[in-house]
Protein backbone atom coordinates (compact mmCIF):
# COMPACT_ATOMS: atom_id res chain seq x y z
CA MET A 1 -30.60 29.13 32.34
CA LYS A 2 -29.95 33.02 32.54
CA LYS A 3 -29.34 35.29 29.12
CA ARG A 4 -26.20 36.03 30.42
CA ASP A 5 -24.65 32.36 31.11
CA LEU A 6 -25.94 31.71 27.78
CA LYS A 7 -23.97 34.55 25.90
CA LYS A 8 -20.81 33.20 27.47
CA THR A 9 -21.18 29.78 25.81
CA ASN A 10 -20.37 29.40 21.70
CA ILE A 11 -22.40 28.39 19.36
CA THR A 12 -21.98 24.96 19.05
CA GLU A 13 -22.59 24.40 23.03
CA LEU A 14 -25.70 26.26 22.11
CA LYS A 15 -26.85 23.88 19.33
CA LYS A 16 -25.76 20.68 21.76
CA MET A 17 -28.10 22.20 24.70
CA LEU A 18 -30.97 22.87 22.33
CA GLU A 19 -31.46 19.72 21.07
CA GLU A 20 -30.65 18.19 24.71
CA LEU A 21 -33.74 20.51 26.11
CA LYS A 22 -35.87 20.06 22.87
CA LYS A 23 -35.32 15.92 24.02
CA GLU A 24 -36.10 16.97 27.49
CA LEU A 25 -39.40 19.16 26.68
CA MET A 26 -40.65 15.57 24.14
CA LYS A 27 -40.30 13.84 27.46
CA TYR A 28 -42.01 16.22 29.67
CA ASN A 29 -45.19 16.61 27.17
CA SER A 30 -45.29 12.71 26.40
CA GLN A 31 -45.58 12.42 30.39
CA VAL A 32 -48.67 15.19 30.32
CA SER A 33 -50.24 13.44 27.67
CA THR A 34 -50.26 10.01 29.13
CA GLY A 35 -51.33 11.60 31.88
CA THR A 36 -48.73 11.11 34.34
CA PRO A 37 -48.39 13.25 37.01
CA SER A 38 -45.52 16.02 36.43
CA GLU A 39 -43.02 16.00 39.78
CA ASN A 40 -42.23 19.55 38.64
CA PRO A 41 -44.77 21.53 36.60
CA GLY A 42 -42.74 24.65 36.37
CA LYS A 43 -39.93 22.90 34.86
CA ILE A 44 -42.06 22.56 31.40
CA ARG A 45 -42.10 26.32 31.11
CA ALA A 46 -38.20 27.21 31.92
CA VAL A 47 -37.47 24.56 29.29
CA LYS A 48 -39.63 26.05 26.92
CA LYS A 49 -38.23 29.65 27.62
CA THR A 50 -34.66 28.68 27.66
CA ILE A 51 -35.36 27.00 24.14
CA ALA A 52 -36.46 30.34 22.88
CA ARG A 53 -33.53 32.40 24.35
CA ILE A 54 -31.04 29.89 22.56
CA LYS A 55 -33.19 30.26 19.36
CA MET A 56 -32.99 34.13 19.97
CA LEU A 57 -29.60 33.90 20.42
CA LEU A 58 -28.68 31.85 17.34
CA GLN A 59 -30.72 33.93 15.15
CA LYS A 60 -28.49 36.84 16.42
CA TYR A 61 -25.27 35.05 15.63
CA GLU A 62 -26.67 34.03 12.12
CA THR A 63 -27.73 37.94 11.26
CA GLN A 64 -24.14 39.19 12.32
CA VAL A 65 -22.29 36.54 10.38
CA GLN A 66 -24.47 37.71 7.24
CA GLY A 67 -24.41 41.07 7.78
CA GLY A 68 -21.09 41.00 8.25
CA LYS A 69 -20.25 42.60 11.57
C-alpha cells in the first residue's frame, strides 16, 4: 500500500491493518520455514515495507499528540 493511501486512513484502521499484516507475515514466514514454495516471493517484502510504513505513521501521530501540535 502506498504511503499517501495510508495517510488518508485513521489511527484505528491503521492499527487493524497492522495486526492483519503481522498475521499475514507470520503465515508467509511459516511457509518459508517449512520449505513450502512461495506463490509470490515479492509479497513478503511488500508486507514488511507496509508494516514499516504503518509503524512510522503511528509513531508520527503519537509524537504529534504528545507534543501538542
